[in-house]
Amino acid sequence: MDEPNTDLIQGTLETLILKPLVLEPMHVSALLDDLRIAQRARKILGSETVWNPADNRECPPNRKTLSLYCALEKATLEVTGGFEHRGTRDGGGKNGH
């Protein structure tokens, strides 16, 4: 059986992760925040009993079940202290506005 080409894997990792960080160092903290947010959201949704697959992007603070969107919103608030919906690629925001 052939050994995997680790040079290719290493080069891919460098291209995807390290080069953008070197070229855009101001984005490092945002990338680290994104990683912490994803990790926190994963913990929030750590059990099937808290996951709500129906997503209407309405996230009341005392809800017992959360959609992926609401888990990410909650994690963002916990990690960064704030949340601002970025909208969609076409410029629309929450609920299409």
N, C-alpha and C. Protein backbone atom coordinates (compact mmCIF):
# COMPACT_ATOMS: atom_id res chain seq x y z
N MET A 1 0.84 -1.18 0.00
CA MET A 1 0.00 0.00 0.00
C MET A 1 0.89 1.24 0.00
N ASP A 2 0.58 2.20 -0.84
CA ASP A 2 1.37 3.42 -0.94
C ASP A 2 1.16 4.31 0.28
N GLU A 3 2.23 4.98 0.67
CA GLU A 3 2.16 5.94 1.77
C GLU A 3 1.50 7.22 1.27
N PRO A 4 0.70 7.89 2.09
CA PRO A 4 0.09 9.15 1.66
C PRO A 4 1.17 10.21 1.44
N ASN A 5 0.92 11.11 0.52
CA ASN A 5 1.87 12.18 0.21
C ASN A 5 1.70 13.28 1.26
N THR A 6 2.50 13.21 2.31
CA THR A 6 2.38 14.19 3.39
C THR A 6 2.86 15.58 2.97
N ASP A 7 3.73 15.64 1.96
CA ASP A 7 4.16 16.96 1.45
C ASP A 7 2.97 17.71 0.88
N LEU A 8 2.12 17.00 0.15
CA LEU A 8 0.92 17.62 -0.41
C LEU A 8 -0.01 18.09 0.70
N ILE A 9 -0.22 17.25 1.71
CA ILE A 9 -1.09 17.62 2.83
C ILE A 9 -0.52 18.84 3.55
N GLN A 10 0.78 18.81 3.85
CA GLN A 10 1.42 19.93 4.53
C GLN A 10 1.30 21.20 3.70
N GLY A 11 1.56 21.11 2.41
CA GLY A 11 1.45 22.28 1.54
C GLY A 11 0.05 22.83 1.49
N THR A 12 -0.93 21.94 1.48
CA THR A 12 -2.33 22.37 1.46
C THR A 12 -2.68 23.10 2.75
N LEU A 13 -2.25 22.54 3.89
CA LEU A 13 -2.52 23.20 5.17
C LEU A 13 -1.88 24.59 5.22
N GLU A 14 -0.64 24.68 4.74
CA GLU A 14 0.03 25.97 4.74
C GLU A 14 -0.71 26.97 3.87
N THR A 15 -1.14 26.52 2.70
CA THR A 15 -1.84 27.42 1.78
C THR A 15 -3.17 27.87 2.36
N LEU A 16 -3.93 26.94 2.94
CA LEU A 16 -5.26 27.27 3.43
C LEU A 16 -5.27 28.02 4.75
N ILE A 17 -4.30 27.77 5.60
CA ILE A 17 -4.35 28.34 6.94
C ILE A 17 -3.25 29.37 7.18
N LEU A 18 -2.02 29.01 6.96
CA LEU A 18 -0.92 29.88 7.37
C LEU A 18 -0.71 31.08 6.46
N LYS A 19 -0.76 30.91 5.14
CA LYS A 19 -0.50 32.03 4.25
C LYS A 19 -1.51 33.17 4.42
N PRO A 20 -2.82 32.88 4.51
CA PRO A 20 -3.75 33.99 4.75
C PRO A 20 -3.47 34.72 6.06
N LEU A 21 -3.02 34.00 7.07
CA LEU A 21 -2.71 34.65 8.35
C LEU A 21 -1.50 35.56 8.22
N VAL A 22 -0.52 35.16 7.44
CA VAL A 22 0.67 35.98 7.24
C VAL A 22 0.30 37.21 6.41
N LEU A 23 -0.50 37.01 5.38
CA LEU A 23 -0.86 38.11 4.50
C LEU A 23 -1.84 39.08 5.14
N GLU A 24 -2.69 38.59 6.01
CA GLU A 24 -3.73 39.40 6.64
C GLU A 24 -3.70 39.22 8.15
N PRO A 25 -2.65 39.68 8.83
CA PRO A 25 -2.55 39.43 10.28
C PRO A 25 -3.68 40.03 11.09
N MET A 26 -4.35 41.06 10.59
CA MET A 26 -5.44 41.66 11.36
C MET A 26 -6.65 40.72 11.45
N HIS A 27 -6.68 39.70 10.60
CA HIS A 27 -7.80 38.77 10.62
C HIS A 27 -7.57 37.59 11.56
N VAL A 28 -6.40 37.51 12.15
CA VAL A 28 -6.08 36.39 13.04
C VAL A 28 -7.04 36.34 14.22
N SER A 29 -7.29 37.48 14.87
CA SER A 29 -8.19 37.46 16.03
C SER A 29 -9.61 37.09 15.63
N ALA A 30 -10.06 37.53 14.45
CA ALA A 30 -11.39 37.15 13.99
C ALA A 30 -11.46 35.66 13.72
N LEU A 31 -10.42 35.10 13.14
CA LEU A 31 -10.38 33.67 12.88
C LEU A 31 -10.40 32.89 14.19
N LEU A 32 -9.64 33.34 15.17
CA LEU A 32 -9.63 32.67 16.47
C LEU A 32 -10.99 32.77 17.15
N ASP A 33 -11.64 33.93 17.05
CA ASP A 33 -13.00 34.06 17.59
C ASP A 33 -13.95 33.09 16.90
N ASP A 34 -13.85 32.99 15.57
CA ASP A 34 -14.72 32.07 14.83
C ASP A 34 -14.52 30.64 15.30
N LEU A 35 -13.27 30.25 15.54
CA LEU A 35 -13.00 28.90 16.04
C LEU A 35 -13.61 28.70 17.42
N ARG A 36 -13.45 29.68 18.30
CA ARG A 36 -14.03 29.58 19.65
C ARG A 36 -15.55 29.53 19.59
N ILE A 37 -16.14 30.29 18.70
CA ILE A 37 -17.60 30.30 18.54
C ILE A 37 -18.07 28.93 18.07
N ALA A 38 -17.41 28.36 17.09
CA ALA A 38 -17.80 27.03 16.59
C ALA A 38 -17.65 25.97 17.68
N GLN A 39 -16.58 26.04 18.45
CA GLN A 39 -16.38 25.09 19.55
C GLN A 39 -17.47 25.25 20.60
N ARG A 40 -17.80 26.48 20.94
CA ARG A 40 -18.83 26.73 21.96
C ARG A 40 -20.20 26.27 21.46
N ALA A 41 -20.53 26.55 20.21
CA ALA A 41 -21.81 26.11 19.64
C ALA A 41 -21.91 24.59 19.65
N ARG A 42 -20.80 23.93 19.38
CA ARG A 42 -20.80 22.46 19.42
C ARG A 42 -21.12 21.95 20.82
N LYS A 43 -20.57 22.62 21.84
CA LYS A 43 -20.87 22.22 23.22
C LYS A 43 -22.33 22.51 23.56
N ILE A 44 -22.83 23.66 23.11
CA ILE A 44 -24.23 24.02 23.37
C ILE A 44 -25.16 22.96 22.79
N LEU A 45 -24.85 22.48 21.59
CA LEU A 45 -25.68 21.48 20.92
C LEU A 45 -25.14 20.06 21.16
N GLY A 46 -24.51 19.86 22.30
CA GLY A 46 -23.86 18.59 22.60
C GLY A 46 -24.80 17.42 22.80
N SER A 47 -26.08 17.66 22.89
CA SER A 47 -27.05 16.60 23.10
C SER A 47 -28.21 16.77 22.12
N GLU A 48 -28.72 15.66 21.63
CA GLU A 48 -29.85 15.73 20.72
C GLU A 48 -31.08 16.34 21.38
N THR A 49 -31.15 16.30 22.70
CA THR A 49 -32.33 16.81 23.41
C THR A 49 -32.40 18.34 23.36
N VAL A 50 -31.30 19.02 23.08
CA VAL A 50 -31.32 20.49 23.01
C VAL A 50 -31.36 21.00 21.58
N TRP A 51 -31.18 20.11 20.60
CA TRP A 51 -31.14 20.56 19.21
C TRP A 51 -32.54 20.63 18.63
N ASN A 52 -32.88 21.76 18.03
CA ASN A 52 -34.16 21.96 17.36
C ASN A 52 -33.88 22.14 15.87
N PRO A 53 -34.22 21.14 15.05
CA PRO A 53 -33.92 21.25 13.62
C PRO A 53 -34.78 22.28 12.89
N ALA A 54 -35.87 22.73 13.49
CA ALA A 54 -36.72 23.76 12.87
C ALA A 54 -36.10 25.13 13.15
N ASP A 55 -35.67 25.81 12.10
CA ASP A 55 -34.96 27.07 12.29
C ASP A 55 -35.75 28.21 11.68
N ASN A 56 -36.24 29.11 12.53
CA ASN A 56 -36.90 30.31 12.05
C ASN A 56 -36.08 31.56 12.37
N ARG A 57 -34.87 31.35 12.89
CA ARG A 57 -33.93 32.41 13.26
C ARG A 57 -34.47 33.36 14.32
N GLU A 58 -35.41 32.87 15.10
CA GLU A 58 -35.89 33.60 16.26
C GLU A 58 -35.37 32.85 17.48
N CYS A 59 -34.63 33.57 18.32
CA CYS A 59 -33.89 32.93 19.41
C CYS A 59 -34.23 33.56 20.76
N PRO A 60 -35.40 33.24 21.33
CA PRO A 60 -35.74 33.76 22.64
C PRO A 60 -34.71 33.29 23.67
N PRO A 61 -34.35 34.13 24.63
CA PRO A 61 -33.27 33.80 25.56
C PRO A 61 -33.52 32.58 26.45
N ASN A 62 -34.75 32.26 26.76
CA ASN A 62 -35.03 31.16 27.70
C ASN A 62 -35.47 29.87 27.02
N ARG A 63 -35.30 29.78 25.72
CA ARG A 63 -35.72 28.59 24.99
C ARG A 63 -34.89 27.38 25.42
N LYS A 64 -35.55 26.24 25.58
CA LYS A 64 -34.88 25.01 26.03
C LYS A 64 -34.19 24.27 24.89
N THR A 65 -34.68 24.43 23.65
CA THR A 65 -34.05 23.81 22.49
C THR A 65 -33.59 24.92 21.55
N LEU A 66 -32.51 24.63 20.81
CA LEU A 66 -31.92 25.64 19.94
C LEU A 66 -31.65 25.08 18.56
N SER A 67 -31.87 25.92 17.54
CA SER A 67 -31.47 25.57 16.19
C SER A 67 -29.96 25.84 16.08
N LEU A 68 -29.38 25.41 14.99
CA LEU A 68 -27.95 25.69 14.77
C LEU A 68 -27.71 27.19 14.76
N TYR A 69 -28.58 27.94 14.08
CA TYR A 69 -28.45 29.39 14.03
C TYR A 69 -28.45 29.99 15.44
N CYS A 70 -29.40 29.57 16.26
CA CYS A 70 -29.51 30.12 17.62
C CYS A 70 -28.33 29.70 18.49
N ALA A 71 -27.82 28.48 18.29
CA ALA A 71 -26.64 28.05 19.04
C ALA A 71 -25.43 28.90 18.65
N LEU A 72 -25.30 29.21 17.36
CA LEU A 72 -24.20 30.07 16.92
C LEU A 72 -24.38 31.49 17.44
N GLU A 73 -25.61 31.98 17.47
CA GLU A 73 -25.86 33.32 18.02
C GLU A 73 -25.49 33.36 19.50
N LYS A 74 -25.94 32.34 20.25
CA LYS A 74 -25.64 32.28 21.68
C LYS A 74 -24.13 32.17 21.92
N ALA A 75 -23.47 31.33 21.16
CA ALA A 75 -22.02 31.16 21.29
C ALA A 75 -21.29 32.46 20.96
N THR A 76 -21.74 33.17 19.94
CA THR A 76 -21.13 34.44 19.57
C THR A 76 -21.26 35.45 20.70
N LEU A 77 -22.43 35.51 21.30
CA LEU A 77 -22.64 36.42 22.44
C LEU A 77 -21.70 36.06 23.60
N GLU A 78 -21.56 34.77 23.87
CA GLU A 78 -20.71 34.34 24.98
C GLU A 78 -19.22 34.60 24.70
N VAL A 79 -18.80 34.40 23.46
CA VAL A 79 -17.38 34.54 23.12
C VAL A 79 -16.98 35.99 22.92
N THR A 80 -17.81 36.75 22.22
CA THR A 80 -17.42 38.12 21.84
C THR A 80 -18.14 39.21 22.62
N GLY A 81 -19.22 38.84 23.30
CA GLY A 81 -19.98 39.83 24.05
C GLY A 81 -21.02 40.56 23.22
N GLY A 82 -21.15 40.21 21.95
CA GLY A 82 -22.14 40.87 21.09
C GLY A 82 -22.49 39.98 19.91
N PHE A 83 -23.57 40.34 19.24
CA PHE A 83 -23.99 39.60 18.05
C PHE A 83 -24.63 40.57 17.08
N GLU A 84 -24.18 40.51 15.85
CA GLU A 84 -24.78 41.32 14.78
C GLU A 84 -24.98 40.40 13.59
N HIS A 85 -26.22 40.22 13.18
CA HIS A 85 -26.51 39.36 12.04
C HIS A 85 -25.90 39.99 10.80
N ARG A 86 -25.10 39.22 10.08
CA ARG A 86 -24.39 39.75 8.91
C ARG A 86 -25.24 39.84 7.67
N GLY A 87 -26.36 39.19 7.63
CA GLY A 87 -27.18 39.20 6.43
C GLY A 87 -26.77 38.11 5.46
N THR A 88 -27.35 38.16 4.29
CA THR A 88 -27.07 37.17 3.26
C THR A 88 -26.15 37.77 2.22
N ARG A 89 -25.70 36.96 1.30
CA ARG A 89 -24.79 37.44 0.26
C ARG A 89 -25.45 38.52 -0.60
N ASP A 90 -26.78 38.51 -0.71
CA ASP A 90 -27.44 39.52 -1.52
C ASP A 90 -27.74 40.79 -0.74
N GLY A 91 -27.24 40.88 0.50
CA GLY A 91 -27.39 42.08 1.29
C GLY A 91 -28.55 42.07 2.24
N GLY A 92 -29.43 41.06 2.15
CA GLY A 92 -30.56 40.99 3.05
C GLY A 92 -30.13 40.60 4.44
N GLY A 93 -30.84 41.05 5.44
CA GLY A 93 -30.52 40.73 6.82
C GLY A 93 -31.47 39.70 7.37
N LYS A 94 -31.65 39.72 8.67
CA LYS A 94 -32.53 38.79 9.35
C LYS A 94 -33.94 38.93 8.78
N ASN A 95 -34.55 37.81 8.48
CA ASN A 95 -35.90 37.77 7.91
C ASN A 95 -35.95 38.45 6.55
N GLY A 96 -34.81 38.48 5.82
CA GLY A 96 -34.80 39.02 4.47
C GLY A 96 -34.72 40.51 4.38
N HIS A 97 -34.49 41.23 5.49
CA HIS A 97 -34.44 42.70 5.46
C HIS A 97 -33.03 43.18 5.51
